[in-house]
Protein backbone atom coordinates (compact mmCIF):
# COMPACT_ATOMS: atom_id res chain seq x y z
CA UNK A 1 0.00 0.00 0.00
CA UNK A 2 1.42 3.41 -1.00
CA UNK A 3 1.94 6.20 1.52
CA UNK A 4 -0.96 8.17 0.02
CA UNK A 5 -3.32 5.21 0.22
CA UNK A 6 -2.36 4.70 3.86
CA UNK A 7 -3.24 8.35 4.53
CA UNK A 8 -6.61 7.86 2.78
CA UNK A 9 -7.29 4.73 4.80
CA UNK A 10 -6.50 6.56 8.05
CA UNK A 11 -8.80 9.45 7.14
CA UNK A 12 -11.65 7.16 6.20
CA UNK A 13 -11.22 5.16 9.40
CA UNK A 14 -11.54 8.41 11.37
CA UNK A 15 -14.79 9.13 9.55
CA UNK A 16 -16.10 5.68 10.46
CA UNK A 17 -15.28 6.33 14.12
CA UNK A 18 -17.13 9.65 13.84
CA UNK A 19 -20.17 7.90 12.40
CA UNK A 20 -20.37 5.12 14.96
CA UNK A 21 -19.29 6.76 18.19
CA UNK A 22 -21.12 10.05 18.24
CA UNK A 23 -20.44 12.39 21.19
CA UNK A 24 -19.41 11.14 24.59
CA UNK A 25 -22.23 10.50 27.03
CA UNK A 26 -20.85 13.08 29.46
CA UNK A 27 -21.40 16.04 27.10
CA UNK A 28 -25.23 16.18 27.34
CA UNK A 29 -25.06 15.94 31.13
CA UNK A 30 -22.66 18.87 31.30
CA UNK A 31 -24.79 20.84 28.85
CA UNK A 32 -27.74 20.66 31.26
CA UNK A 33 -25.78 22.61 33.89
CA UNK A 34 -23.89 25.04 31.66
CA UNK A 35 -25.45 28.38 30.64
CA UNK A 36 -27.24 28.19 27.32
CA UNK A 37 -28.11 30.90 24.80
CA UNK A 38 -31.31 31.35 22.82
CA UNK A 39 -32.31 34.10 20.43
CA UNK A 40 -35.56 36.03 20.41
CA UNK A 41 -36.07 37.39 16.90
CA UNK A 42 -38.12 40.59 16.89
CA UNK A 43 -40.36 41.94 14.17
CA UNK A 44 -39.26 44.90 12.10
CA UNK A 45 -40.98 48.24 12.24
CA UNK A 46 -42.04 49.71 8.89
CA UNK A 47 -41.21 46.55 6.95
CA UNK A 48 -42.34 47.95 3.59
CA UNK A 49 -40.44 51.20 4.15
CA UNK A 50 -37.32 49.21 5.00
CA UNK A 51 -37.54 47.21 1.78
CA UNK A 52 -38.14 50.38 -0.21
CA UNK A 53 -35.02 51.99 1.24
CA UNK A 54 -32.94 48.91 0.40
CA UNK A 55 -34.10 49.22 -3.21
CA UNK A 56 -33.22 52.92 -3.21
CA UNK A 57 -29.62 52.20 -2.17
CA UNK A 58 -29.02 50.19 -5.35
CA UNK A 59 -30.90 52.50 -7.74
CA UNK A 60 -28.41 54.88 -9.47
CA UNK A 61 -31.22 57.37 -10.11
CA UNK A 62 -32.17 57.59 -6.43
CA UNK A 63 -30.82 60.30 -4.08
CA UNK A 64 -30.22 57.46 -1.59
CA UNK A 65 -28.01 55.49 -3.97
CA UNK A 66 -25.24 53.90 -1.84
CA UNK A 67 -26.41 55.95 1.16
CA UNK A 68 -26.03 53.08 3.58
CA UNK A 69 -27.09 53.19 7.21
CA UNK A 70 -25.21 52.45 10.41
CA UNK A 71 -26.52 49.78 12.81
CA UNK A 72 -27.69 52.60 15.09
CA UNK A 73 -29.66 54.20 12.27
CA UNK A 74 -31.20 50.83 11.45
CA UNK A 75 -32.32 50.55 15.09
CA UNK A 76 -33.82 54.03 15.07
CA UNK A 77 -35.74 53.60 11.84
CA UNK A 78 -36.64 49.91 11.52
CA UNK A 79 -35.68 47.94 14.62
CA UNK A 80 -37.69 47.69 17.81
CA UNK A 81 -37.45 50.84 19.97
CA UNK A 82 -35.16 50.92 23.00
CA UNK A 83 -38.16 50.96 25.32
CA UNK A 84 -39.35 47.60 23.96
CA UNK A 85 -35.88 46.10 24.25
CA UNK A 86 -35.72 47.32 27.85
CA UNK A 87 -39.05 45.64 28.58
CA UNK A 88 -37.69 42.31 27.34
CA UNK A 89 -34.55 42.73 29.44
CA UNK A 90 -36.62 43.50 32.53
CA UNK A 91 -38.79 40.43 32.01
CA UNK A 92 -35.91 38.01 31.48
CA UNK A 93 -34.03 39.49 34.42
CA UNK A 94 -36.77 38.14 36.69
CA UNK A 95 -35.59 34.68 35.67
CA UNK A 96 -31.91 35.55 36.19
CA UNK A 97 -31.25 35.66 32.48
CA UNK A 98 -28.93 38.11 30.74
CA UNK A 99 -30.30 39.82 27.64
CA UNK A 100 -28.45 41.82 25.01
CA UNK A 101 -29.72 43.26 21.74
CA UNK A 102 -27.53 43.19 18.68
CA UNK A 103 -27.30 46.73 17.24
CA UNK A 104 -30.19 46.96 14.82
CA UNK A 105 -32.62 45.68 17.47
CA UNK A 106 -33.79 42.68 15.49
CA UNK A 107 -32.27 39.90 17.59
CA UNK A 108 -32.08 39.50 21.37
CA UNK A 109 -29.40 37.22 22.80
CA UNK A 110 -30.73 35.62 26.01
CA UNK A 111 -28.32 33.64 28.21
CA UNK A 112 -28.73 31.71 31.44
CA UNK A 113 -29.37 28.30 32.92
CA UNK A 114 -31.43 25.96 30.70
CA UNK A 115 -33.97 25.56 33.49
CA UNK A 116 -34.52 29.33 33.82
CA UNK A 117 -34.71 29.74 30.04
CA UNK A 118 -37.43 27.10 29.87
CA UNK A 119 -39.36 28.73 32.71
CA UNK A 120 -39.17 32.19 31.20
CA UNK A 121 -40.35 30.96 27.80
CA UNK A 122 -42.84 28.40 29.20
CA UNK A 123 -41.47 25.69 26.92
CA UNK A 124 -43.69 22.73 26.05
CA UNK A 125 -44.23 20.37 23.10
CA UNK A 126 -46.62 21.69 20.45
CA UNK A 127 -47.93 18.19 19.83
CA UNK A 128 -47.95 14.70 21.31
CA UNK A 129 -46.60 13.43 18.00
CA UNK A 130 -42.90 13.11 18.81
CA UNK A 131 -42.02 12.58 15.17
CA UNK A 132 -43.36 15.93 14.04
CA UNK A 133 -43.51 18.67 16.66
CA UNK A 134 -41.89 21.92 17.71
CA UNK A 135 -40.95 23.23 21.14
CA UNK A 136 -43.68 25.79 21.76
CA UNK A 137 -42.81 28.97 23.67
CA UNK A 138 -44.89 31.73 25.26
CA UNK A 139 -44.26 35.25 26.51
CA UNK A 140 -46.55 37.88 28.08
CA UNK A 141 -48.87 39.52 25.54
CA UNK A 142 -47.13 42.86 25.95
CA UNK A 143 -43.95 41.25 24.58
CA UNK A 144 -45.17 38.44 22.33
CA UNK A 145 -46.73 40.85 19.82
CA UNK A 146 -43.22 42.03 18.95
CA UNK A 147 -41.74 38.53 18.55
CA UNK A 148 -41.28 36.84 15.18
CA UNK A 149 -39.81 33.60 16.54
CA UNK A 150 -37.64 32.09 19.25
CA UNK A 151 -34.57 30.18 18.07
CA UNK A 152 -32.59 27.65 20.09
CA UNK A 153 -35.03 25.83 22.35
CA UNK A 154 -34.89 22.07 21.92
CA UNK A 155 -37.00 19.24 23.38
CA UNK A 156 -35.31 15.86 22.71
CA UNK A 157 -37.29 13.34 20.72
CA UNK A 158 -35.28 10.46 22.13
CA UNK A 159 -35.13 10.61 25.89
CA UNK A 160 -33.04 7.46 26.26
CA UNK A 161 -29.39 7.97 27.15
CA UNK A 162 -28.35 5.26 24.70
CA UNK A 163 -27.22 6.33 21.21
CA UNK A 164 -29.75 6.49 18.41
CA UNK A 165 -29.61 3.76 15.79
CA UNK A 166 -29.45 6.45 13.15
CA UNK A 167 -25.92 7.26 12.04
CA UNK A 168 -24.32 10.22 10.34
CA UNK A 169 -23.34 9.83 6.72
CA UNK A 170 -20.61 12.43 6.18
CA UNK A 171 -19.59 13.13 2.60
CA UNK A 172 -16.04 13.38 1.31
CA UNK A 173 -14.42 14.15 -2.02
CA UNK A 174 -11.77 11.46 -1.68
CA UNK A 175 -11.80 9.37 -4.86
CA UNK A 176 -9.87 6.26 -5.87
CA UNK A 177 -8.37 8.24 -8.75
CA UNK A 178 -6.92 10.93 -6.49
CA UNK A 179 -3.20 11.43 -6.95
CA UNK A 180 -0.72 12.37 -4.22
CA UNK A 181 -0.06 16.10 -3.95
CA UNK A 182 3.40 17.17 -5.06
CA UNK A 183 5.39 18.44 -2.10
CA UNK A 184 6.72 21.34 -4.17
CA UNK A 185 6.24 24.73 -2.55
CA UNK A 186 5.75 28.28 -3.71
CA UNK A 187 4.28 29.26 -7.04
CA UNK A 188 4.51 25.74 -8.48
CA UNK A 189 2.18 24.44 -5.75
CA UNK A 190 -0.05 27.53 -5.86
CA UNK A 191 -0.53 27.28 -9.63
CA UNK A 192 -1.36 23.59 -9.55
CA UNK A 193 -3.45 23.34 -6.37
CA UNK A 194 -3.75 26.69 -4.62
CA UNK A 195 -4.81 30.34 -4.93
CA UNK A 196 -3.03 31.06 -8.22
CA UNK A 197 -5.08 28.33 -9.91
CA UNK A 198 -8.25 29.91 -8.49
CA UNK A 199 -7.09 33.39 -9.53
CA UNK A 200 -6.39 32.24 -13.07
CA UNK A 201 -9.82 30.58 -13.42
CA UNK A 202 -11.72 33.62 -12.14
CA UNK A 203 -9.60 36.40 -13.61
CA UNK A 204 -8.18 37.63 -10.33
CA UNK A 205 -4.66 37.67 -11.78
CA UNK A 206 -5.68 40.82 -13.66
CA UNK A 207 -6.40 42.50 -10.33
CA UNK A 208 -3.16 41.26 -8.82
CA UNK A 209 -1.20 42.87 -11.67
CA UNK A 210 -2.78 46.17 -10.59
CA UNK A 211 -1.66 45.52 -6.99
CA UNK A 212 -5.28 45.01 -5.94
CA UNK A 213 -4.73 42.31 -3.33
CA UNK A 214 -7.19 43.35 -0.64
CA UNK A 215 -5.37 46.26 0.97
CA UNK A 216 -7.67 48.13 3.34
CA UNK A 217 -10.43 45.51 2.95
CA UNK A 218 -11.99 43.15 5.48
CA UNK A 219 -13.56 39.79 4.68
CA UNK A 220 -15.91 38.20 7.22
CA UNK A 221 -16.34 34.43 7.47
CA UNK A 222 -19.10 32.69 9.42
CA UNK A 223 -17.90 29.33 10.76
CA UNK A 224 -19.12 26.85 13.35
CA UNK A 225 -15.79 25.57 14.58
CA UNK A 226 -12.50 26.83 15.89
CA UNK A 227 -9.33 26.26 13.89
CA UNK A 228 -5.57 26.22 14.41
CA UNK A 229 -3.74 29.30 13.15
CA UNK A 230 -0.69 27.08 12.56
CA UNK A 231 -2.67 25.18 9.91
CA UNK A 232 -3.33 28.45 8.07
CA UNK A 233 0.32 29.44 8.35
CA UNK A 234 1.44 26.11 6.90
CA UNK A 235 -0.91 26.48 3.94
CA UNK A 236 0.34 30.02 3.23
CA UNK A 237 3.93 28.83 3.45
CA UNK A 238 3.18 25.94 1.06
CA UNK A 239 1.91 28.51 -1.45
CA UNK A 240 4.97 30.73 -1.04
CA UNK A 241 2.98 33.50 0.65
CA UNK A 242 3.54 35.72 3.68
CA UNK A 243 2.85 33.60 6.77
CA UNK A 244 2.11 36.54 9.07
CA UNK A 245 -1.38 35.73 10.39
CA UNK A 246 -1.83 38.88 12.47
CA UNK A 247 -4.39 40.01 9.88
CA UNK A 248 -6.57 36.98 10.69
CA UNK A 249 -8.90 37.58 13.64
CA UNK A 250 -10.87 35.06 15.67
CA UNK A 251 -14.16 36.46 16.99
CA UNK A 252 -16.06 34.19 19.36
CA UNK A 253 -19.75 35.04 19.17
CA UNK A 254 -21.13 32.82 21.95
CA UNK A 255 -18.30 31.25 23.93
CA UNK A 256 -14.51 31.13 23.84
CA UNK A 257 -12.52 28.27 22.31
CA UNK A 258 -13.74 24.84 23.32
CA UNK A 259 -11.51 22.22 24.89
CA UNK A 260 -12.58 19.50 22.45
CA UNK A 261 -11.84 21.26 19.18
CA UNK A 262 -9.61 18.37 18.08
CA UNK A 263 -12.06 15.61 18.98
CA UNK A 264 -13.10 13.11 16.32
CA UNK A 265 -16.69 14.40 16.42
CA UNK A 266 -15.42 17.85 15.39
CA UNK A 267 -13.15 16.80 12.55
CA UNK A 268 -15.56 17.76 9.74
CA UNK A 269 -16.57 21.27 10.88
CA UNK A 270 -12.98 22.09 11.93
CA UNK A 271 -11.70 21.02 8.53
CA UNK A 272 -14.39 23.13 6.85
CA UNK A 273 -13.55 26.21 8.94
CA UNK A 274 -9.82 25.81 8.31
CA UNK A 275 -10.35 25.53 4.55
CA UNK A 276 -12.54 28.64 4.54
CA UNK A 277 -9.91 30.72 6.32
CA UNK A 278 -7.06 29.36 4.19
CA UNK A 279 -8.94 30.16 0.99
CA UNK A 280 -9.88 33.71 1.97
CA UNK A 281 -6.45 34.52 3.39
CA UNK A 282 -4.64 33.31 0.26
CA UNK A 283 -6.96 34.68 -2.44
CA UNK A 284 -6.98 38.12 -0.76
CA UNK A 285 -3.41 38.10 0.61
CA UNK A 286 -3.48 41.65 2.00
CA UNK A 287 -7.03 41.78 3.37
CA UNK A 288 -7.99 41.37 7.01
CA UNK A 289 -9.94 38.17 7.66
CA UNK A 290 -12.54 38.17 10.45
CA UNK A 291 -13.63 34.65 11.42
CA UNK A 292 -16.88 34.84 13.38
CA UNK A 293 -17.02 31.55 15.26
CA UNK A 294 -20.26 30.18 16.65
CA UNK A 295 -19.12 27.48 19.04
CA UNK A 296 -20.38 26.16 22.37
CA UNK A 297 -18.59 24.07 24.97
CA UNK A 298 -20.32 20.74 25.70
CA UNK A 299 -23.00 21.75 23.16
CA UNK A 300 -24.83 23.81 25.79
CA UNK A 301 -26.18 26.07 23.00
CA UNK A 302 -27.90 24.73 19.89
CA UNK A 303 -26.16 25.00 16.51
CA UNK A 304 -29.08 26.93 14.98
CA UNK A 305 -28.55 29.75 17.51
CA UNK A 306 -24.77 29.66 17.08
CA UNK A 307 -25.18 30.16 13.33
CA UNK A 308 -27.81 32.90 13.59
CA UNK A 309 -25.92 34.83 16.27
CA UNK A 310 -22.61 34.62 14.41
CA UNK A 311 -24.26 36.37 11.46
CA UNK A 312 -26.07 38.81 13.78
CA UNK A 313 -22.83 39.89 15.42
CA UNK A 314 -20.93 40.16 12.15
CA UNK A 315 -23.67 42.34 10.64
CA UNK A 316 -24.09 44.51 13.73
CA UNK A 317 -20.29 44.94 14.10
CA UNK A 318 -20.40 46.37 10.56
CA UNK A 319 -16.65 45.88 10.03
CA UNK A 320 -16.86 43.66 6.94
CA UNK A 321 -18.61 44.73 3.75
CA UNK A 322 -18.62 41.13 2.56
CA UNK A 323 -19.59 38.11 4.62
CA UNK A 324 -19.34 34.52 3.45
CA UNK A 325 -20.18 31.08 4.79
CA UNK A 326 -19.91 27.50 3.61
CA UNK A 327 -21.92 26.13 6.54
CA UNK A 328 -25.65 25.55 6.48
CA UNK A 329 -28.57 24.26 8.49
CA UNK A 330 -31.78 22.66 7.28
CA UNK A 331 -33.43 22.83 3.89
CA UNK A 332 -35.94 25.37 2.64
CA UNK A 333 -38.34 22.65 1.45
CA UNK A 334 -38.50 20.75 4.73
CA UNK A 335 -41.08 21.88 7.27
CA UNK A 336 -38.89 21.06 10.27
CA UNK A 337 -35.13 21.29 10.60
CA UNK A 338 -35.19 18.73 13.40
CA UNK A 339 -38.29 17.75 15.41
CA UNK A 340 -38.25 19.38 18.81
CA UNK A 341 -36.70 22.74 17.86
CA UNK A 342 -38.60 25.91 18.68
CA UNK A 343 -38.63 27.17 15.08
CA UNK A 344 -39.76 25.71 11.78
CA UNK A 345 -37.55 25.86 8.70
CA UNK A 346 -39.60 28.78 7.37
CA UNK A 347 -39.32 30.72 10.62
CA UNK A 348 -35.58 30.14 10.68
CA UNK A 349 -35.25 31.24 7.07
CA UNK A 350 -37.36 34.33 7.81
CA UNK A 351 -35.08 35.20 10.74
CA UNK A 352 -32.08 35.14 8.44
CA UNK A 353 -33.90 37.17 5.82
CA UNK A 354 -34.53 39.86 8.43
CA UNK A 355 -30.89 40.22 9.46
CA UNK A 356 -29.81 40.02 5.82
CA UNK A 357 -32.11 42.97 5.14
CA UNK A 358 -30.19 44.80 7.85
CA UNK A 359 -26.97 43.85 6.06
CA UNK A 360 -28.35 45.28 2.81
CA UNK A 361 -29.26 48.53 4.57
CA UNK A 362 -25.66 48.76 5.74
CA UNK A 363 -24.14 47.93 2.34
CA UNK A 364 -22.96 44.44 3.32
CA UNK A 365 -22.98 41.68 0.69
CA UNK A 366 -23.70 38.11 1.85
CA UNK A 367 -22.29 35.09 0.02
CA UNK A 368 -23.50 31.56 0.71
CA UNK A 369 -22.00 28.40 -0.78
CA UNK A 370 -24.80 26.47 -2.44
CA UNK A 371 -22.91 23.17 -2.23
CA UNK A 372 -21.80 20.86 -4.99
CA UNK A 373 -25.18 20.46 -6.70
CA UNK A 374 -26.07 24.08 -7.36
CA UNK A 375 -29.71 24.85 -6.52
CA UNK A 376 -30.49 21.23 -5.65
CA UNK A 377 -29.49 20.55 -2.06
CA UNK A 378 -31.84 17.55 -2.01
CA UNK A 379 -33.02 15.47 -5.00
CA UNK A 380 -36.25 17.09 -6.18
CA UNK A 381 -38.00 18.43 -9.25
CA UNK A 382 -38.05 21.81 -7.54
CA UNK A 383 -34.99 23.86 -6.80
CA UNK A 384 -34.16 23.79 -3.11
CA UNK A 385 -31.37 25.39 -1.15
CA UNK A 386 -30.04 25.01 2.35
CA UNK A 387 -30.71 27.72 4.92
CA UNK A 388 -29.66 30.52 4.87
CA UNK A 389 -31.48 31.45 1.70
CA UNK A 390 -32.80 34.90 0.93
CA UNK A 391 -33.18 37.36 -1.91
CA UNK A 392 -30.46 39.35 -0.15
CA UNK A 393 -27.89 36.54 -0.45
CA UNK A 394 -25.62 35.71 -3.38
CA UNK A 395 -25.68 31.93 -3.79
CA UNK A 396 -22.39 30.68 -5.20
CA UNK A 397 -21.45 27.21 -6.43
CA UNK A 398 -19.11 24.75 -4.78
CA UNK A 399 -18.13 24.82 -1.14
CA UNK A 400 -18.99 21.39 0.22
CA UNK A 401 -21.36 22.14 3.10
CA UNK A 402 -20.91 20.60 6.48
CA UNK A 403 -24.54 19.60 7.24
CA UNK A 404 -25.45 21.22 10.55
CA UNK A 405 -28.71 19.31 10.53
CA UNK A 406 -26.61 16.19 11.00
CA UNK A 407 -24.58 17.97 13.68
CA UNK A 408 -27.78 18.68 15.58
CA UNK A 409 -28.81 15.05 15.30
CA UNK A 410 -25.38 13.84 16.36
CA UNK A 411 -25.01 16.17 19.31
CA UNK A 412 -28.53 16.00 20.64
CA UNK A 413 -30.32 12.88 19.52
CA UNK A 414 -27.55 10.34 20.02
């Protein structure tokens, strides 16, 4: 067996371990005692006026062409007023929960013990049918009229502590015809496998010749895993590029780095996050890269919230005029992402559409990898995309998704 085939065999064996083992049994127990975070998505004020203004910003004949707003201006004109946000904070404080509004006042980040969160939101199953139900929530009438949906509550379908018989089926691009990568470094490697090949295919070399390499620009990435900066440095070195990673910034949007980032169960999302950062840092070699990381120790916070809040923070920070992700959750054609969550697929998609409207108001462009099958995430006669999907998102090809729906199933139902 050649060295390359041995490497392939090792990688595939790790995937098999990931499929069969699932998370350790201690993680769910710890998650019950650790603080959790949920998001309360608020309705917009003057929805039609907001959409009209977005259209004005891209109309060259309009006096508001490219007159983008700040997050504070979005709050003042279209988000919920400060008095309403204060009322939510006061209510949740009674249950010893901390509440913060992302600038724009569309999303409230509520954090505290799982027990207090459930009490405050009066969580209960919406149906006795455990194969098709949501976790229903309730708030006082004075607050509920301003709420679009609550994201992040989860009632397990399987209450047994034993693993589910269902297994994850991760996808990989490893093929029998793959050839070993030449160990050559610098431009030879970059032209054959790296950023110079990408630049040649998409015409970026023309920009490089004009010294347009990202100076003064910031690129935001939304990822659901931590990554090792040394892995990025090694990739840059392999491509003969500057290995100074001080321009790459880790921004933790829920919790700091987790202790199990190198565990087998995290190998797929960590690989995906690393590839995203390597690609952005090499294609735009002089741009700042902001990696907004939605991670949670012991899975105390649901992946749907981690994803939504990572985007919410990136948009409200307003540092990056372009945000991109290769992660996803759910499918726009499925009614439920996973039975037992507090939001349907449509409600989750609508929540993203709202914060993407805020991004459009601020002049931020959102890019979302559509996966390897274009507009067909799942086999169907109708086009169907993974969430997030919105008319304010540019769907681009490629970018093998790490299926967060499977992550939810692995972390919670096994």
